[in-house]
Amino acid sequence: MIPFLSSFSMRYDRLPREGCADAGYGSEENYAYMEANGIEAYVKYNYFHKEQKKAFKDDIFRIENLYHNSADDYYVCPMGQHMERVGTRRDRTDSGYRTESAVYRAGNCEGCPLRWGCYKKRQGNREIEANHRLIEYKQQARDRLTSEKGLEHRSKRPIEPEAVFGQMKYNMQYKRFRHFGTDKVTMDFAFFATAFNIKKMIAKMKRTA
């Protein structure tokens, strides 16, 4: 099952080879699904636009801006202290997909002059979590979205599918599929899309008559 089928801008035979969707669909589970099915993901993640801004790039306290030594697996805090890996946090989504994040902790934050902006808790040393698999997926998505083809997808998406899906969901109250399974969902949507296109064709014929 495609978790975000109803928000895809698609070119497909059976499944789309390229997928373009909103930031709300930029999860590890969706990225992994697309990779497993040979789909190039032009899908934004939650802070894609925010990270382009100077304030984001200049924020030395954000995890995204901390240096990570992948060879020895540690982060470097704004004061230059190593944050060593101390554990792993595992979780599961509502659909059963398993995620894994590495936990890193600074050795000693006591008396640090940057604590005011780095770590809000009054006691203890700063801890961060990093889902390295998701970080890699986001890097791939970033590279694609900022490429020439990615810019083309992003420019077309607001004018091609958004108005159509708005009509379907809110004006025609087509807010959920009536069947389960990829084959039945494809049939369900195909019938609706056909009817929608016939409606548009008739409206156009009336205007030109």
N, C-alpha and C. Protein backbone atom coordinates (compact mmCIF):
# COMPACT_ATOMS: atom_id res chain seq x y z
N MET A 1 0.84 -1.20 0.00
CA MET A 1 0.00 0.00 0.00
C MET A 1 0.87 1.25 0.00
N ILE A 2 0.55 2.23 -0.83
CA ILE A 2 1.29 3.48 -0.85
C ILE A 2 0.71 4.40 0.20
N PRO A 3 1.47 4.77 1.25
CA PRO A 3 0.92 5.54 2.36
C PRO A 3 0.39 6.90 1.96
N PHE A 4 0.88 7.49 0.87
CA PHE A 4 0.46 8.84 0.51
C PHE A 4 -0.01 8.91 -0.92
N LEU A 5 -0.68 7.83 -1.38
CA LEU A 5 -1.13 7.75 -2.77
C LEU A 5 -1.98 8.94 -3.16
N SER A 6 -2.86 9.38 -2.26
CA SER A 6 -3.80 10.43 -2.62
C SER A 6 -3.14 11.80 -2.74
N SER A 7 -1.87 11.95 -2.35
CA SER A 7 -1.21 13.24 -2.47
C SER A 7 -0.03 13.20 -3.42
N PHE A 8 0.03 12.13 -4.24
CA PHE A 8 1.13 11.98 -5.17
C PHE A 8 0.87 12.73 -6.47
N SER A 9 1.90 13.34 -7.00
CA SER A 9 1.90 13.78 -8.38
C SER A 9 2.63 12.70 -9.14
N MET A 10 1.95 11.92 -10.01
CA MET A 10 2.50 10.66 -10.48
C MET A 10 2.63 10.55 -11.99
N ARG A 11 3.69 9.83 -12.38
CA ARG A 11 3.79 9.27 -13.72
C ARG A 11 3.97 7.79 -13.48
N TYR A 12 3.11 6.93 -14.02
CA TYR A 12 3.24 5.54 -13.64
C TYR A 12 2.75 4.59 -14.70
N ASP A 13 3.27 3.34 -14.60
CA ASP A 13 2.67 2.22 -15.31
C ASP A 13 1.88 1.47 -14.25
N ARG A 14 2.60 0.81 -13.36
CA ARG A 14 1.94 0.17 -12.23
C ARG A 14 2.13 1.02 -10.98
N LEU A 15 3.39 1.38 -10.72
CA LEU A 15 3.72 2.30 -9.66
C LEU A 15 4.49 3.48 -10.27
N PRO A 16 4.43 4.66 -9.64
CA PRO A 16 5.15 5.80 -10.19
C PRO A 16 6.66 5.60 -10.08
N ARG A 17 7.41 6.09 -11.06
CA ARG A 17 8.87 6.03 -10.99
C ARG A 17 9.43 7.26 -10.28
N GLU A 18 8.65 8.32 -10.24
CA GLU A 18 9.02 9.53 -9.53
C GLU A 18 7.85 9.95 -8.67
N GLY A 19 8.12 10.32 -7.42
CA GLY A 19 7.05 10.73 -6.52
C GLY A 19 7.30 12.11 -5.97
N CYS A 20 6.30 12.97 -6.05
CA CYS A 20 6.40 14.34 -5.53
C CYS A 20 5.25 14.56 -4.56
N ALA A 21 5.57 14.87 -3.31
CA ALA A 21 4.53 15.03 -2.30
C ALA A 21 4.91 16.12 -1.31
N ASP A 22 3.95 16.52 -0.49
CA ASP A 22 4.16 17.59 0.47
C ASP A 22 5.07 17.15 1.61
N ALA A 23 5.49 18.14 2.41
CA ALA A 23 6.42 17.88 3.50
C ALA A 23 5.86 16.93 4.55
N GLY A 24 4.55 16.89 4.68
CA GLY A 24 3.94 16.02 5.67
C GLY A 24 4.19 14.54 5.39
N TYR A 25 4.66 14.22 4.19
CA TYR A 25 4.89 12.83 3.82
C TYR A 25 6.37 12.46 3.81
N GLY A 26 7.23 13.37 4.27
CA GLY A 26 8.65 13.09 4.28
C GLY A 26 9.10 12.33 5.52
N SER A 27 8.57 11.13 5.70
CA SER A 27 8.94 10.28 6.84
C SER A 27 9.89 9.18 6.40
N GLU A 28 10.58 8.59 7.36
CA GLU A 28 11.48 7.48 7.05
C GLU A 28 10.71 6.33 6.40
N GLU A 29 9.53 6.05 6.91
CA GLU A 29 8.72 4.95 6.38
C GLU A 29 8.39 5.16 4.91
N ASN A 30 7.99 6.36 4.55
CA ASN A 30 7.64 6.65 3.16
C ASN A 30 8.87 6.65 2.25
N TYR A 31 9.96 7.23 2.74
CA TYR A 31 11.20 7.21 1.95
C TYR A 31 11.66 5.77 1.71
N ALA A 32 11.59 4.94 2.75
CA ALA A 32 12.02 3.54 2.63
C ALA A 32 11.13 2.79 1.64
N TYR A 33 9.83 3.08 1.67
CA TYR A 33 8.90 2.42 0.75
C TYR A 33 9.25 2.78 -0.70
N MET A 34 9.49 4.05 -0.94
CA MET A 34 9.82 4.48 -2.31
C MET A 34 11.14 3.89 -2.78
N GLU A 35 12.13 3.86 -1.90
CA GLU A 35 13.42 3.28 -2.27
C GLU A 35 13.26 1.80 -2.62
N ALA A 36 12.50 1.06 -1.82
CA ALA A 36 12.30 -0.37 -2.04
C ALA A 36 11.57 -0.65 -3.34
N ASN A 37 10.76 0.31 -3.81
CA ASN A 37 9.97 0.12 -5.02
C ASN A 37 10.52 0.88 -6.22
N GLY A 38 11.77 1.33 -6.12
CA GLY A 38 12.41 1.99 -7.25
C GLY A 38 11.81 3.32 -7.62
N ILE A 39 11.29 4.05 -6.64
CA ILE A 39 10.67 5.35 -6.89
C ILE A 39 11.62 6.46 -6.43
N GLU A 40 11.93 7.40 -7.31
CA GLU A 40 12.75 8.54 -6.94
C GLU A 40 11.91 9.51 -6.12
N ALA A 41 12.36 9.79 -4.91
CA ALA A 41 11.56 10.60 -3.99
C ALA A 41 11.87 12.08 -4.12
N TYR A 42 10.93 12.83 -4.70
CA TYR A 42 11.00 14.29 -4.69
C TYR A 42 10.00 14.77 -3.65
N VAL A 43 10.23 14.34 -2.41
CA VAL A 43 9.29 14.57 -1.31
C VAL A 43 9.98 15.41 -0.24
N LYS A 44 9.39 16.53 0.08
CA LYS A 44 9.95 17.41 1.10
C LYS A 44 9.81 16.79 2.49
N TYR A 45 10.69 17.20 3.39
CA TYR A 45 10.57 16.83 4.80
C TYR A 45 10.14 18.08 5.56
N ASN A 46 9.89 17.92 6.86
CA ASN A 46 9.19 18.97 7.60
C ASN A 46 9.90 20.31 7.64
N TYR A 47 11.24 20.38 7.61
CA TYR A 47 11.90 21.68 7.69
C TYR A 47 12.71 21.98 6.42
N PHE A 48 12.30 21.44 5.29
CA PHE A 48 13.03 21.65 4.05
C PHE A 48 13.18 23.14 3.72
N HIS A 49 12.09 23.89 3.78
CA HIS A 49 12.15 25.31 3.46
C HIS A 49 12.82 26.11 4.58
N LYS A 50 12.58 25.68 5.81
CA LYS A 50 13.14 26.41 6.95
C LYS A 50 14.66 26.36 6.95
N GLU A 51 15.23 25.22 6.54
CA GLU A 51 16.68 25.07 6.59
C GLU A 51 17.40 25.91 5.52
N GLN A 52 16.66 26.45 4.57
CA GLN A 52 17.26 27.30 3.54
C GLN A 52 17.54 28.71 4.08
N LYS A 53 16.92 29.05 5.22
CA LYS A 53 17.03 30.40 5.74
C LYS A 53 18.30 30.58 6.56
N LYS A 54 18.80 31.80 6.57
CA LYS A 54 20.05 32.12 7.25
C LYS A 54 19.97 31.85 8.74
N ALA A 55 18.83 32.16 9.35
CA ALA A 55 18.68 31.96 10.79
C ALA A 55 18.86 30.49 11.18
N PHE A 56 18.36 29.60 10.33
CA PHE A 56 18.51 28.16 10.57
C PHE A 56 19.98 27.75 10.44
N LYS A 57 20.62 28.20 9.37
CA LYS A 57 22.01 27.82 9.11
C LYS A 57 22.97 28.36 10.16
N ASP A 58 22.64 29.53 10.74
CA ASP A 58 23.52 30.17 11.71
C ASP A 58 23.26 29.72 13.15
N ASP A 59 22.24 28.89 13.36
CA ASP A 59 21.92 28.43 14.71
C ASP A 59 22.88 27.30 15.11
N ILE A 60 23.89 27.63 15.91
CA ILE A 60 24.93 26.67 16.25
C ILE A 60 24.45 25.57 17.21
N PHE A 61 23.26 25.75 17.77
CA PHE A 61 22.76 24.77 18.74
C PHE A 61 21.92 23.67 18.11
N ARG A 62 21.47 23.86 16.90
CA ARG A 62 20.62 22.85 16.26
C ARG A 62 21.42 21.59 15.96
N ILE A 63 20.78 20.44 16.14
CA ILE A 63 21.44 19.16 15.89
C ILE A 63 21.91 19.09 14.44
N GLU A 64 21.10 19.63 13.52
CA GLU A 64 21.44 19.57 12.10
C GLU A 64 22.76 20.30 11.79
N ASN A 65 23.15 21.25 12.65
CA ASN A 65 24.37 22.03 12.40
C ASN A 65 25.57 21.55 13.21
N LEU A 66 25.39 20.52 14.02
CA LEU A 66 26.51 19.97 14.79
C LEU A 66 27.33 19.04 13.89
N TYR A 67 28.64 19.07 14.10
CA TYR A 67 29.52 18.20 13.31
C TYR A 67 29.41 16.77 13.82
N HIS A 68 29.27 15.82 12.88
CA HIS A 68 29.22 14.40 13.24
C HIS A 68 30.40 13.68 12.62
N ASN A 69 31.21 13.04 13.46
CA ASN A 69 32.32 12.22 12.99
C ASN A 69 31.78 10.81 12.79
N SER A 70 31.54 10.45 11.52
CA SER A 70 30.92 9.15 11.23
C SER A 70 31.86 7.99 11.49
N ALA A 71 33.17 8.23 11.36
CA ALA A 71 34.14 7.14 11.56
C ALA A 71 34.16 6.68 13.01
N ASP A 72 34.20 7.63 13.95
CA ASP A 72 34.23 7.28 15.38
C ASP A 72 32.87 7.46 16.04
N ASP A 73 31.89 7.88 15.27
CA ASP A 73 30.51 8.02 15.73
C ASP A 73 30.37 8.89 16.98
N TYR A 74 30.66 10.16 16.83
CA TYR A 74 30.40 11.12 17.89
C TYR A 74 30.05 12.47 17.25
N TYR A 75 29.30 13.30 18.01
CA TYR A 75 29.00 14.67 17.59
C TYR A 75 29.89 15.62 18.37
N VAL A 76 30.02 16.83 17.86
CA VAL A 76 30.80 17.86 18.54
C VAL A 76 29.86 19.00 18.90
N CYS A 77 29.79 19.33 20.17
CA CYS A 77 28.89 20.39 20.64
C CYS A 77 29.46 21.76 20.29
N PRO A 78 28.70 22.84 20.46
CA PRO A 78 29.17 24.18 20.10
C PRO A 78 30.44 24.62 20.84
N MET A 79 30.71 24.01 21.99
CA MET A 79 31.92 24.34 22.75
C MET A 79 33.10 23.45 22.38
N GLY A 80 32.88 22.50 21.43
CA GLY A 80 33.96 21.63 21.00
C GLY A 80 34.07 20.34 21.75
N GLN A 81 33.12 20.06 22.65
CA GLN A 81 33.15 18.83 23.44
C GLN A 81 32.54 17.67 22.64
N HIS A 82 33.15 16.51 22.73
CA HIS A 82 32.61 15.34 22.04
C HIS A 82 31.37 14.84 22.76
N MET A 83 30.36 14.50 21.96
CA MET A 83 29.15 13.88 22.49
C MET A 83 29.16 12.42 22.01
N GLU A 84 29.49 11.53 22.92
CA GLU A 84 29.66 10.13 22.59
C GLU A 84 28.32 9.41 22.55
N ARG A 85 28.28 8.35 21.75
CA ARG A 85 27.06 7.55 21.67
C ARG A 85 26.90 6.72 22.95
N VAL A 86 25.71 6.81 23.55
CA VAL A 86 25.47 6.12 24.82
C VAL A 86 24.33 5.10 24.74
N GLY A 87 23.65 5.04 23.61
CA GLY A 87 22.56 4.08 23.51
C GLY A 87 21.79 4.20 22.21
N THR A 88 20.73 3.42 22.12
CA THR A 88 19.88 3.39 20.93
C THR A 88 18.42 3.40 21.35
N ARG A 89 17.65 4.23 20.70
CA ARG A 89 16.21 4.26 20.98
C ARG A 89 15.47 3.67 19.79
N ARG A 90 14.64 2.68 20.05
CA ARG A 90 13.85 2.03 19.00
C ARG A 90 12.38 2.34 19.19
N ASP A 91 11.71 2.55 18.08
CA ASP A 91 10.29 2.90 18.13
C ASP A 91 9.58 2.21 16.97
N ARG A 92 8.26 2.30 16.98
CA ARG A 92 7.47 1.69 15.92
C ARG A 92 6.30 2.60 15.58
N THR A 93 6.04 2.77 14.28
CA THR A 93 4.93 3.62 13.86
C THR A 93 3.62 2.87 14.02
N ASP A 94 2.51 3.57 13.81
CA ASP A 94 1.19 2.94 13.93
C ASP A 94 1.01 1.80 12.94
N SER A 95 1.71 1.87 11.81
CA SER A 95 1.59 0.82 10.79
C SER A 95 2.57 -0.33 11.02
N GLY A 96 3.40 -0.22 12.07
CA GLY A 96 4.31 -1.30 12.40
C GLY A 96 5.73 -1.11 11.92
N TYR A 97 6.03 0.00 11.26
CA TYR A 97 7.39 0.25 10.76
C TYR A 97 8.31 0.58 11.93
N ARG A 98 9.48 -0.05 11.96
CA ARG A 98 10.42 0.13 13.06
C ARG A 98 11.46 1.21 12.72
N THR A 99 11.66 2.12 13.67
CA THR A 99 12.67 3.16 13.52
C THR A 99 13.73 3.00 14.60
N GLU A 100 14.90 3.56 14.32
CA GLU A 100 16.01 3.44 15.26
C GLU A 100 16.81 4.74 15.29
N SER A 101 17.02 5.28 16.48
CA SER A 101 17.78 6.52 16.64
C SER A 101 18.93 6.30 17.62
N ALA A 102 20.08 6.85 17.30
CA ALA A 102 21.23 6.78 18.18
C ALA A 102 21.16 7.92 19.19
N VAL A 103 21.53 7.64 20.44
CA VAL A 103 21.50 8.63 21.50
C VAL A 103 22.94 9.03 21.84
N TYR A 104 23.19 10.35 21.88
CA TYR A 104 24.53 10.86 22.18
C TYR A 104 24.45 11.79 23.39
N ARG A 105 25.51 11.76 24.20
CA ARG A 105 25.51 12.59 25.41
C ARG A 105 26.86 13.27 25.58
N ALA A 106 26.81 14.54 25.98
CA ALA A 106 28.04 15.28 26.27
C ALA A 106 28.65 14.79 27.58
N GLY A 107 29.97 14.92 27.70
CA GLY A 107 30.64 14.41 28.90
C GLY A 107 30.40 15.27 30.13
N ASN A 108 30.43 16.59 29.97
CA ASN A 108 30.28 17.47 31.12
C ASN A 108 29.82 18.86 30.66
N CYS A 109 28.57 19.20 30.95
CA CYS A 109 28.02 20.51 30.57
C CYS A 109 28.03 21.50 31.73
N GLU A 110 28.50 21.09 32.88
CA GLU A 110 28.47 21.95 34.06
C GLU A 110 29.36 23.18 33.83
N GLY A 111 28.79 24.34 34.07
CA GLY A 111 29.53 25.59 33.93
C GLY A 111 29.73 26.05 32.50
N CYS A 112 29.11 25.39 31.54
CA CYS A 112 29.29 25.77 30.14
C CYS A 112 28.64 27.13 29.89
N PRO A 113 29.37 28.09 29.31
CA PRO A 113 28.80 29.43 29.08
C PRO A 113 27.72 29.45 27.99
N LEU A 114 27.62 28.37 27.21
CA LEU A 114 26.62 28.32 26.13
C LEU A 114 25.39 27.50 26.52
N ARG A 115 25.34 27.07 27.78
CA ARG A 115 24.24 26.21 28.20
C ARG A 115 22.87 26.87 28.02
N TRP A 116 22.82 28.19 28.14
CA TRP A 116 21.57 28.93 28.03
C TRP A 116 20.84 28.66 26.72
N GLY A 117 21.60 28.46 25.65
CA GLY A 117 20.96 28.22 24.36
C GLY A 117 21.08 26.79 23.88
N CYS A 118 21.95 26.03 24.52
CA CYS A 118 22.24 24.68 24.05
C CYS A 118 21.36 23.62 24.71
N TYR A 119 21.13 23.77 26.00
CA TYR A 119 20.42 22.72 26.74
C TYR A 119 19.56 23.37 27.81
N LYS A 120 18.27 23.21 27.71
CA LYS A 120 17.34 23.94 28.56
C LYS A 120 17.20 23.36 29.97
N LYS A 121 17.51 22.07 30.12
CA LYS A 121 17.36 21.46 31.44
C LYS A 121 18.40 22.03 32.40
N ARG A 122 18.01 22.18 33.65
CA ARG A 122 18.90 22.79 34.63
C ARG A 122 20.01 21.85 35.06
N GLN A 123 19.74 20.55 35.03
CA GLN A 123 20.73 19.58 35.48
C GLN A 123 21.04 18.57 34.38
N GLY A 124 22.20 17.94 34.52
CA GLY A 124 22.57 16.90 33.58
C GLY A 124 23.28 17.43 32.36
N ASN A 125 23.76 16.52 31.54
CA ASN A 125 24.48 16.85 30.32
C ASN A 125 23.58 16.70 29.10
N ARG A 126 23.84 17.49 28.10
CA ARG A 126 22.97 17.49 26.93
C ARG A 126 22.96 16.14 26.23
N GLU A 127 21.75 15.73 25.84
CA GLU A 127 21.58 14.52 25.03
C GLU A 127 20.87 14.88 23.74
N ILE A 128 21.25 14.20 22.67
CA ILE A 128 20.57 14.37 21.38
C ILE A 128 20.30 12.99 20.80
N GLU A 129 19.31 12.93 19.90
CA GLU A 129 19.00 11.70 19.19
C GLU A 129 19.14 11.95 17.70
N ALA A 130 19.72 10.99 17.01
CA ALA A 130 19.92 11.12 15.56
C ALA A 130 19.51 9.84 14.85
N ASN A 131 18.52 9.96 13.98
CA ASN A 131 18.10 8.84 13.14
C ASN A 131 18.92 8.90 11.86
N HIS A 132 20.02 8.16 11.83
CA HIS A 132 20.95 8.30 10.72
C HIS A 132 20.37 7.84 9.39
N ARG A 133 19.50 6.86 9.43
CA ARG A 133 18.89 6.40 8.18
C ARG A 133 18.00 7.50 7.61
N LEU A 134 17.23 8.15 8.47
CA LEU A 134 16.36 9.24 8.01
C LEU A 134 17.20 10.43 7.54
N ILE A 135 18.31 10.69 8.21
CA ILE A 135 19.20 11.78 7.79
C ILE A 135 19.70 11.54 6.37
N GLU A 136 20.05 10.29 6.05
CA GLU A 136 20.51 9.95 4.70
C GLU A 136 19.39 10.13 3.68
N TYR A 137 18.18 9.70 4.05
CA TYR A 137 17.03 9.88 3.15
C TYR A 137 16.77 11.36 2.88
N LYS A 138 16.87 12.18 3.92
CA LYS A 138 16.64 13.61 3.76
C LYS A 138 17.70 14.25 2.87
N GLN A 139 18.95 13.78 3.00
CA GLN A 139 20.00 14.30 2.14
C GLN A 139 19.73 13.96 0.68
N GLN A 140 19.28 12.73 0.43
CA GLN A 140 18.92 12.33 -0.93
C GLN A 140 17.78 13.20 -1.46
N ALA A 141 16.76 13.40 -0.61
CA ALA A 141 15.61 14.23 -1.01
C ALA A 141 16.05 15.66 -1.27
N ARG A 142 16.94 16.19 -0.43
CA ARG A 142 17.44 17.55 -0.60
C ARG A 142 18.17 17.71 -1.93
N ASP A 143 19.02 16.74 -2.23
CA ASP A 143 19.78 16.79 -3.49
C ASP A 143 18.84 16.74 -4.70
N ARG A 144 17.81 15.92 -4.60
CA ARG A 144 16.86 15.81 -5.72
C ARG A 144 16.01 17.06 -5.84
N LEU A 145 15.52 17.57 -4.72
CA LEU A 145 14.62 18.72 -4.75
C LEU A 145 15.31 19.99 -5.22
N THR A 146 16.62 20.08 -5.01
CA THR A 146 17.35 21.28 -5.44
C THR A 146 18.00 21.10 -6.81
N SER A 147 17.80 19.93 -7.43
CA SER A 147 18.30 19.71 -8.79
C SER A 147 17.37 20.38 -9.79
N GLU A 148 17.77 20.38 -11.06
CA GLU A 148 16.94 20.99 -12.11
C GLU A 148 15.58 20.29 -12.21
N LYS A 149 15.60 18.95 -12.16
CA LYS A 149 14.35 18.21 -12.24
C LYS A 149 13.50 18.46 -10.99
N GLY A 150 14.16 18.56 -9.83
CA GLY A 150 13.43 18.82 -8.60
C GLY A 150 12.73 20.16 -8.62
N LEU A 151 13.42 21.18 -9.14
CA LEU A 151 12.81 22.51 -9.25
C LEU A 151 11.61 22.49 -10.20
N GLU A 152 11.70 21.65 -11.24
CA GLU A 152 10.58 21.52 -12.17
C GLU A 152 9.39 20.89 -11.48
N HIS A 153 9.65 19.80 -10.71
CA HIS A 153 8.56 19.16 -9.95
C HIS A 153 7.91 20.15 -8.98
N ARG A 154 8.73 20.89 -8.28
CA ARG A 154 8.23 21.81 -7.26
C ARG A 154 7.42 22.95 -7.88
N SER A 155 7.80 23.38 -9.08
CA SER A 155 7.07 24.47 -9.73
C SER A 155 5.74 23.99 -10.29
N LYS A 156 5.69 22.72 -10.70
CA LYS A 156 4.46 22.19 -11.30
C LYS A 156 3.44 21.77 -10.25
N ARG A 157 3.93 21.28 -9.11
CA ARG A 157 3.01 20.70 -8.13
C ARG A 157 1.89 21.65 -7.69
N PRO A 158 2.19 22.93 -7.37
CA PRO A 158 1.10 23.79 -6.90
C PRO A 158 0.02 24.05 -7.95
N ILE A 159 0.39 23.99 -9.26
CA ILE A 159 -0.59 24.34 -10.28
C ILE A 159 -1.23 23.12 -10.92
N GLU A 160 -0.61 21.94 -10.76
CA GLU A 160 -1.17 20.75 -11.41
C GLU A 160 -2.09 19.95 -10.49
N PRO A 161 -1.59 19.33 -9.41
CA PRO A 161 -2.46 18.46 -8.62
C PRO A 161 -3.23 19.14 -7.51
N GLU A 162 -2.70 20.24 -6.93
CA GLU A 162 -3.32 20.78 -5.72
C GLU A 162 -4.76 21.22 -5.94
N ALA A 163 -5.02 21.95 -7.02
CA ALA A 163 -6.38 22.41 -7.27
C ALA A 163 -7.33 21.24 -7.51
N VAL A 164 -6.82 20.22 -8.22
CA VAL A 164 -7.65 19.04 -8.50
C VAL A 164 -8.00 18.30 -7.22
N PHE A 165 -7.01 18.07 -6.36
CA PHE A 165 -7.27 17.36 -5.11
C PHE A 165 -8.16 18.19 -4.18
N GLY A 166 -8.00 19.50 -4.25
CA GLY A 166 -8.89 20.35 -3.46
C GLY A 166 -10.34 20.19 -3.91
N GLN A 167 -10.55 20.15 -5.22
CA GLN A 167 -11.89 19.93 -5.75
C GLN A 167 -12.44 18.57 -5.30
N MET A 168 -11.62 17.54 -5.43
CA MET A 168 -12.06 16.19 -5.08
C MET A 168 -12.40 16.05 -3.60
N LYS A 169 -11.50 16.56 -2.75
CA LYS A 169 -11.65 16.32 -1.33
C LYS A 169 -12.72 17.20 -0.68
N TYR A 170 -12.76 18.48 -1.06
CA TYR A 170 -13.62 19.40 -0.34
C TYR A 170 -14.92 19.73 -1.07
N ASN A 171 -14.84 19.87 -2.39
CA ASN A 171 -16.06 20.19 -3.13
C ASN A 171 -16.88 18.95 -3.45
N MET A 172 -16.19 17.80 -3.63
CA MET A 172 -16.89 16.56 -3.97
C MET A 172 -16.89 15.56 -2.82
N GLN A 173 -16.29 15.94 -1.71
CA GLN A 173 -16.29 15.11 -0.50
C GLN A 173 -15.68 13.72 -0.70
N TYR A 174 -14.69 13.63 -1.60
CA TYR A 174 -14.00 12.35 -1.82
C TYR A 174 -12.75 12.37 -0.94
N LYS A 175 -12.93 12.03 0.34
CA LYS A 175 -11.86 12.18 1.31
C LYS A 175 -11.20 10.86 1.72
N ARG A 176 -11.74 9.75 1.23
CA ARG A 176 -11.10 8.48 1.57
C ARG A 176 -11.47 7.43 0.54
N PHE A 177 -10.61 6.43 0.38
CA PHE A 177 -10.91 5.34 -0.54
C PHE A 177 -11.97 4.43 0.07
N ARG A 178 -12.73 3.80 -0.81
CA ARG A 178 -13.82 2.93 -0.35
C ARG A 178 -13.42 1.46 -0.29
N HIS A 179 -12.19 1.15 -0.71
CA HIS A 179 -11.75 -0.24 -0.75
C HIS A 179 -10.36 -0.37 -0.13
N PHE A 180 -9.93 -1.61 0.06
CA PHE A 180 -8.61 -1.89 0.61
C PHE A 180 -7.79 -2.67 -0.42
N GLY A 181 -6.48 -2.51 -0.35
CA GLY A 181 -5.60 -3.21 -1.28
C GLY A 181 -5.26 -2.34 -2.47
N THR A 182 -4.02 -2.48 -2.97
CA THR A 182 -3.55 -1.63 -4.06
C THR A 182 -4.42 -1.73 -5.31
N ASP A 183 -4.78 -2.95 -5.69
CA ASP A 183 -5.58 -3.14 -6.90
C ASP A 183 -6.94 -2.46 -6.79
N LYS A 184 -7.60 -2.65 -5.66
CA LYS A 184 -8.94 -2.07 -5.49
C LYS A 184 -8.88 -0.55 -5.34
N VAL A 185 -7.84 -0.07 -4.65
CA VAL A 185 -7.70 1.37 -4.49
C VAL A 185 -7.42 2.02 -5.85
N THR A 186 -6.58 1.36 -6.67
CA THR A 186 -6.30 1.87 -8.01
C THR A 186 -7.57 1.94 -8.84
N MET A 187 -8.39 0.89 -8.77
CA MET A 187 -9.67 0.86 -9.49
C MET A 187 -10.58 1.97 -8.98
N ASP A 188 -10.66 2.10 -7.65
CA ASP A 188 -11.51 3.11 -7.02
C ASP A 188 -11.14 4.51 -7.54
N PHE A 189 -9.85 4.81 -7.48
CA PHE A 189 -9.40 6.14 -7.88
C PHE A 189 -9.53 6.35 -9.39
N ALA A 190 -9.30 5.28 -10.17
CA ALA A 190 -9.40 5.40 -11.62
C ALA A 190 -10.82 5.76 -12.05
N PHE A 191 -11.82 5.12 -11.42
CA PHE A 191 -13.22 5.44 -11.74
C PHE A 191 -13.53 6.89 -11.40
N PHE A 192 -13.06 7.32 -10.21
CA PHE A 192 -13.34 8.69 -9.81
C PHE A 192 -12.65 9.69 -10.74
N ALA A 193 -11.37 9.40 -11.09
CA ALA A 193 -10.62 10.30 -11.96
C ALA A 193 -11.27 10.39 -13.34
N THR A 194 -11.76 9.25 -13.83
CA THR A 194 -12.44 9.24 -15.13
C THR A 194 -13.68 10.11 -15.10
N ALA A 195 -14.47 9.95 -14.05
CA ALA A 195 -15.68 10.76 -13.90
C ALA A 195 -15.33 12.24 -13.76
N PHE A 196 -14.28 12.53 -13.03
CA PHE A 196 -13.85 13.91 -12.84
C PHE A 196 -13.45 14.55 -14.17
N ASN A 197 -12.71 13.80 -14.98
CA ASN A 197 -12.26 14.31 -16.28
C ASN A 197 -13.43 14.50 -17.25
N ILE A 198 -14.40 13.59 -17.20
CA ILE A 198 -15.60 13.72 -18.05
C ILE A 198 -16.36 15.00 -17.67
N LYS A 199 -16.46 15.23 -16.36
CA LYS A 199 -17.13 16.44 -15.87
C LYS A 199 -16.42 17.70 -16.39
N LYS A 200 -15.09 17.70 -16.34
CA LYS A 200 -14.33 18.85 -16.84
C LYS A 200 -14.51 19.00 -18.34
N MET A 201 -14.54 17.88 -19.06
CA MET A 201 -14.68 17.92 -20.52
C MET A 201 -16.03 18.50 -20.91
N ILE A 202 -17.09 18.10 -20.21
CA ILE A 202 -18.42 18.61 -20.51
C ILE A 202 -18.51 20.11 -20.22
N ALA A 203 -17.90 20.52 -19.11
CA ALA A 203 -17.89 21.94 -18.75
C ALA A 203 -17.17 22.75 -19.81
N LYS A 204 -16.07 22.21 -20.33
CA LYS A 204 -15.31 22.90 -21.38
C LYS A 204 -16.11 22.98 -22.66
N MET A 205 -16.82 21.89 -23.01
CA MET A 205 -17.64 21.87 -24.23
C MET A 205 -18.75 22.89 -24.15
N LYS A 206 -19.33 23.08 -22.95
CA LYS A 206 -20.40 24.04 -22.80
C LYS A 206 -19.87 25.47 -22.98
N ARG A 207 -18.64 25.70 -22.50
CA ARG A 207 -18.07 27.05 -22.63
C ARG A 207 -17.74 27.40 -24.08
N THR A 208 -17.36 26.40 -24.85
CA THR A 208 -16.97 26.65 -26.26
C THR A 208 -18.12 26.49 -27.25
N ALA A 209 -19.28 26.04 -26.74
CA ALA A 209 -20.43 25.83 -27.64
C ALA A 209 -21.01 27.16 -28.11
